[in-house]
Amino acid sequence: MEKRIGTVSILVSDTSVVPEVNRILSDFGAMIIARQGVPMHQHGFNIITLIIEGTTDELSSLTGKLGRLQGVEVKSMLAKARGQGSGDRC
């Protein structure tokens, strides 16, 4: 299956699920290229952004597990990964 590169935005409004969020992210660590977490205490939530590379099935599994957690919202955006030397530039 073809790999894709993209982003995942995670909004956590219930801090009691943070350990479970981190466990799920660790389980999918092989597909995570970069991770940034920003606590927004004044607004009552935390934001985690990921840059990922994986198949659509892997991404669906990751976002599905996160999205089933109470107090967690997840959005993703993907592009087809281009091979090296394809001549295409961003």
N, C-alpha and C. Protein backbone atom coordinates (compact mmCIF):
# COMPACT_ATOMS: atom_id res chain seq x y z
N MET A 1 0.84 -1.17 0.00
CA MET A 1 0.00 0.00 0.00
C MET A 1 0.89 1.25 0.00
N GLU A 2 0.46 2.27 -0.71
CA GLU A 2 1.24 3.49 -0.87
C GLU A 2 1.25 4.31 0.41
N LYS A 3 2.44 4.80 0.77
CA LYS A 3 2.58 5.65 1.95
C LYS A 3 2.23 7.09 1.59
N ARG A 4 1.77 7.79 2.61
CA ARG A 4 1.44 9.20 2.46
C ARG A 4 2.09 9.99 3.58
N ILE A 5 2.28 11.26 3.35
CA ILE A 5 2.83 12.17 4.34
C ILE A 5 1.75 13.17 4.68
N GLY A 6 1.66 13.53 5.94
CA GLY A 6 0.64 14.49 6.32
C GLY A 6 0.78 14.95 7.75
N THR A 7 -0.27 15.59 8.21
CA THR A 7 -0.32 16.11 9.57
C THR A 7 -1.53 15.55 10.29
N VAL A 8 -1.40 15.46 11.60
CA VAL A 8 -2.50 15.09 12.48
C VAL A 8 -2.55 16.13 13.58
N SER A 9 -3.71 16.72 13.79
CA SER A 9 -3.92 17.67 14.88
C SER A 9 -4.80 17.01 15.93
N ILE A 10 -4.35 17.07 17.17
CA ILE A 10 -5.06 16.42 18.28
C ILE A 10 -5.35 17.49 19.33
N LEU A 11 -6.62 17.63 19.69
CA LEU A 11 -7.02 18.57 20.73
C LEU A 11 -7.51 17.75 21.92
N VAL A 12 -6.86 17.91 23.06
CA VAL A 12 -7.18 17.13 24.26
C VAL A 12 -7.79 18.09 25.28
N SER A 13 -9.09 17.90 25.56
CA SER A 13 -9.76 18.77 26.53
C SER A 13 -9.96 18.10 27.88
N ASP A 14 -9.66 16.80 27.97
CA ASP A 14 -9.76 16.06 29.24
C ASP A 14 -8.38 15.51 29.56
N THR A 15 -7.68 16.17 30.48
CA THR A 15 -6.29 15.78 30.76
C THR A 15 -6.17 14.40 31.39
N SER A 16 -7.25 13.82 31.87
CA SER A 16 -7.17 12.48 32.44
C SER A 16 -6.83 11.43 31.40
N VAL A 17 -7.02 11.73 30.11
CA VAL A 17 -6.73 10.76 29.05
C VAL A 17 -5.34 10.93 28.46
N VAL A 18 -4.57 11.91 28.94
CA VAL A 18 -3.23 12.17 28.40
C VAL A 18 -2.34 10.92 28.43
N PRO A 19 -2.31 10.13 29.53
CA PRO A 19 -1.48 8.92 29.49
C PRO A 19 -1.90 7.94 28.38
N GLU A 20 -3.19 7.83 28.13
CA GLU A 20 -3.66 6.94 27.05
C GLU A 20 -3.30 7.51 25.68
N VAL A 21 -3.40 8.81 25.51
CA VAL A 21 -2.98 9.45 24.25
C VAL A 21 -1.51 9.16 24.01
N ASN A 22 -0.68 9.34 25.02
CA ASN A 22 0.76 9.08 24.87
C ASN A 22 1.05 7.62 24.58
N ARG A 23 0.29 6.70 25.18
CA ARG A 23 0.48 5.27 24.90
C ARG A 23 0.17 4.96 23.44
N ILE A 24 -0.94 5.51 22.94
CA ILE A 24 -1.31 5.28 21.54
C ILE A 24 -0.26 5.87 20.61
N LEU A 25 0.20 7.08 20.89
CA LEU A 25 1.23 7.69 20.05
C LEU A 25 2.52 6.87 20.07
N SER A 26 2.87 6.32 21.21
CA SER A 26 4.05 5.45 21.29
C SER A 26 3.87 4.20 20.45
N ASP A 27 2.66 3.63 20.46
CA ASP A 27 2.38 2.44 19.65
C ASP A 27 2.57 2.71 18.16
N PHE A 28 2.33 3.95 17.74
CA PHE A 28 2.45 4.33 16.33
C PHE A 28 3.71 5.15 16.07
N GLY A 29 4.67 5.07 16.98
CA GLY A 29 5.88 5.89 16.90
C GLY A 29 6.66 5.74 15.61
N ALA A 30 6.60 4.58 14.98
CA ALA A 30 7.37 4.36 13.74
C ALA A 30 6.90 5.25 12.60
N MET A 31 5.65 5.70 12.65
CA MET A 31 5.14 6.54 11.56
C MET A 31 5.20 8.03 11.89
N ILE A 32 5.58 8.38 13.12
CA ILE A 32 5.63 9.78 13.53
C ILE A 32 7.02 10.36 13.23
N ILE A 33 7.05 11.37 12.37
CA ILE A 33 8.30 12.03 12.00
C ILE A 33 8.61 13.13 13.01
N ALA A 34 7.59 13.89 13.41
CA ALA A 34 7.78 14.99 14.35
C ALA A 34 6.53 15.15 15.19
N ARG A 35 6.72 15.67 16.41
CA ARG A 35 5.62 15.86 17.34
C ARG A 35 5.85 17.16 18.10
N GLN A 36 4.78 17.95 18.23
CA GLN A 36 4.85 19.18 19.00
C GLN A 36 3.62 19.23 19.90
N GLY A 37 3.84 19.49 21.18
CA GLY A 37 2.74 19.63 22.11
C GLY A 37 2.71 21.02 22.70
N VAL A 38 1.52 21.62 22.76
CA VAL A 38 1.37 22.96 23.30
C VAL A 38 0.25 22.95 24.33
N PRO A 39 0.58 23.14 25.61
CA PRO A 39 -0.47 23.24 26.62
C PRO A 39 -1.14 24.61 26.53
N MET A 40 -2.45 24.62 26.49
CA MET A 40 -3.22 25.86 26.41
C MET A 40 -4.06 25.96 27.69
N HIS A 41 -3.37 26.05 28.83
CA HIS A 41 -4.04 26.02 30.13
C HIS A 41 -5.12 27.08 30.26
N GLN A 42 -4.87 28.27 29.74
CA GLN A 42 -5.84 29.35 29.86
C GLN A 42 -7.14 29.05 29.11
N HIS A 43 -7.07 28.11 28.15
CA HIS A 43 -8.26 27.72 27.37
C HIS A 43 -8.81 26.36 27.79
N GLY A 44 -8.09 25.65 28.65
CA GLY A 44 -8.57 24.37 29.15
C GLY A 44 -8.33 23.18 28.25
N PHE A 45 -7.35 23.25 27.37
CA PHE A 45 -7.03 22.09 26.54
C PHE A 45 -5.57 22.10 26.14
N ASN A 46 -5.14 21.01 25.54
CA ASN A 46 -3.78 20.85 25.02
C ASN A 46 -3.88 20.53 23.53
N ILE A 47 -2.91 20.99 22.77
CA ILE A 47 -2.86 20.69 21.34
C ILE A 47 -1.58 19.92 21.05
N ILE A 48 -1.73 18.83 20.31
CA ILE A 48 -0.58 18.05 19.84
C ILE A 48 -0.66 18.03 18.32
N THR A 49 0.44 18.37 17.66
CA THR A 49 0.49 18.26 16.21
C THR A 49 1.56 17.24 15.83
N LEU A 50 1.26 16.44 14.84
CA LEU A 50 2.17 15.40 14.37
C LEU A 50 2.42 15.58 12.88
N ILE A 51 3.61 15.27 12.46
CA ILE A 51 3.91 15.06 11.04
C ILE A 51 4.13 13.56 10.92
N ILE A 52 3.40 12.93 10.03
CA ILE A 52 3.44 11.47 9.95
C ILE A 52 3.72 11.01 8.52
N GLU A 53 4.19 9.77 8.42
CA GLU A 53 4.33 9.09 7.14
C GLU A 53 3.87 7.67 7.34
N GLY A 54 2.85 7.28 6.59
CA GLY A 54 2.33 5.93 6.71
C GLY A 54 1.23 5.68 5.70
N THR A 55 0.71 4.48 5.71
CA THR A 55 -0.39 4.14 4.81
C THR A 55 -1.69 4.73 5.34
N THR A 56 -2.69 4.79 4.49
CA THR A 56 -3.99 5.30 4.93
C THR A 56 -4.59 4.39 6.00
N ASP A 57 -4.32 3.09 5.93
CA ASP A 57 -4.81 2.17 6.96
C ASP A 57 -4.16 2.47 8.31
N GLU A 58 -2.86 2.72 8.31
CA GLU A 58 -2.16 3.06 9.56
C GLU A 58 -2.69 4.36 10.15
N LEU A 59 -2.88 5.35 9.29
CA LEU A 59 -3.39 6.63 9.76
C LEU A 59 -4.81 6.48 10.31
N SER A 60 -5.65 5.72 9.63
CA SER A 60 -7.01 5.50 10.10
C SER A 60 -7.02 4.81 11.46
N SER A 61 -6.13 3.85 11.64
CA SER A 61 -6.03 3.16 12.92
C SER A 61 -5.62 4.13 14.04
N LEU A 62 -4.61 4.95 13.77
CA LEU A 62 -4.14 5.94 14.75
C LEU A 62 -5.24 6.93 15.10
N THR A 63 -5.83 7.56 14.10
CA THR A 63 -6.83 8.58 14.37
C THR A 63 -8.10 7.98 14.97
N GLY A 64 -8.44 6.76 14.58
CA GLY A 64 -9.61 6.10 15.15
C GLY A 64 -9.45 5.82 16.63
N LYS A 65 -8.29 5.30 17.01
CA LYS A 65 -8.04 5.02 18.43
C LYS A 65 -8.04 6.30 19.26
N LEU A 66 -7.42 7.35 18.73
CA LEU A 66 -7.41 8.62 19.46
C LEU A 66 -8.81 9.23 19.54
N GLY A 67 -9.52 9.19 18.44
CA GLY A 67 -10.85 9.79 18.38
C GLY A 67 -11.89 9.13 19.26
N ARG A 68 -11.66 7.88 19.63
CA ARG A 68 -12.59 7.18 20.52
C ARG A 68 -12.41 7.56 21.99
N LEU A 69 -11.34 8.27 22.31
CA LEU A 69 -11.10 8.68 23.69
C LEU A 69 -11.99 9.87 24.03
N GLN A 70 -12.59 9.83 25.22
CA GLN A 70 -13.41 10.94 25.70
C GLN A 70 -12.55 12.19 25.85
N GLY A 71 -13.03 13.31 25.31
CA GLY A 71 -12.29 14.57 25.45
C GLY A 71 -11.16 14.75 24.46
N VAL A 72 -11.15 13.97 23.37
CA VAL A 72 -10.10 14.09 22.35
C VAL A 72 -10.76 14.29 20.99
N GLU A 73 -10.29 15.30 20.27
CA GLU A 73 -10.72 15.53 18.89
C GLU A 73 -9.51 15.41 17.98
N VAL A 74 -9.70 14.80 16.80
CA VAL A 74 -8.58 14.53 15.89
C VAL A 74 -8.97 14.92 14.46
N LYS A 75 -8.05 15.59 13.78
CA LYS A 75 -8.21 15.91 12.36
C LYS A 75 -6.89 15.58 11.66
N SER A 76 -6.99 15.13 10.42
CA SER A 76 -5.78 14.80 9.67
C SER A 76 -5.87 15.32 8.25
N MET A 77 -4.71 15.49 7.65
CA MET A 77 -4.60 15.92 6.27
C MET A 77 -3.42 15.18 5.65
N LEU A 78 -3.64 14.57 4.49
CA LEU A 78 -2.60 13.76 3.85
C LEU A 78 -2.34 14.17 2.42
N ALA A 79 -1.12 13.91 1.97
CA ALA A 79 -0.74 14.06 0.57
C ALA A 79 -0.03 12.79 0.16
N LYS A 80 -0.06 12.47 -1.10
CA LYS A 80 0.70 11.32 -1.58
C LYS A 80 2.18 11.62 -1.44
N ALA A 81 2.93 10.65 -0.93
CA ALA A 81 4.39 10.81 -0.81
C ALA A 81 4.99 10.72 -2.21
N ARG A 82 5.87 11.63 -2.51
CA ARG A 82 6.54 11.62 -3.81
C ARG A 82 7.90 10.96 -3.65
N GLY A 83 8.30 10.20 -4.65
CA GLY A 83 9.60 9.55 -4.61
C GLY A 83 10.72 10.54 -4.78
N GLN A 84 11.90 10.21 -4.31
CA GLN A 84 13.05 11.08 -4.47
C GLN A 84 13.39 11.18 -5.95
N GLY A 85 13.80 12.36 -6.35
CA GLY A 85 14.22 12.55 -7.73
C GLY A 85 13.07 12.69 -8.70
N SER A 86 11.84 12.90 -8.21
CA SER A 86 10.70 12.99 -9.12
C SER A 86 10.66 14.33 -9.84
N GLY A 87 11.45 15.30 -9.35
CA GLY A 87 11.47 16.60 -9.99
C GLY A 87 10.41 17.54 -9.46
N ASP A 88 9.48 17.04 -8.67
CA ASP A 88 8.42 17.88 -8.10
C ASP A 88 8.95 18.57 -6.85
N ARG A 89 8.59 19.80 -6.69
CA ARG A 89 8.98 20.56 -5.51
C ARG A 89 7.75 21.15 -4.87
N CYS A 90 7.83 21.33 -3.57
CA CYS A 90 6.72 21.97 -2.84
C CYS A 90 6.81 23.46 -2.96
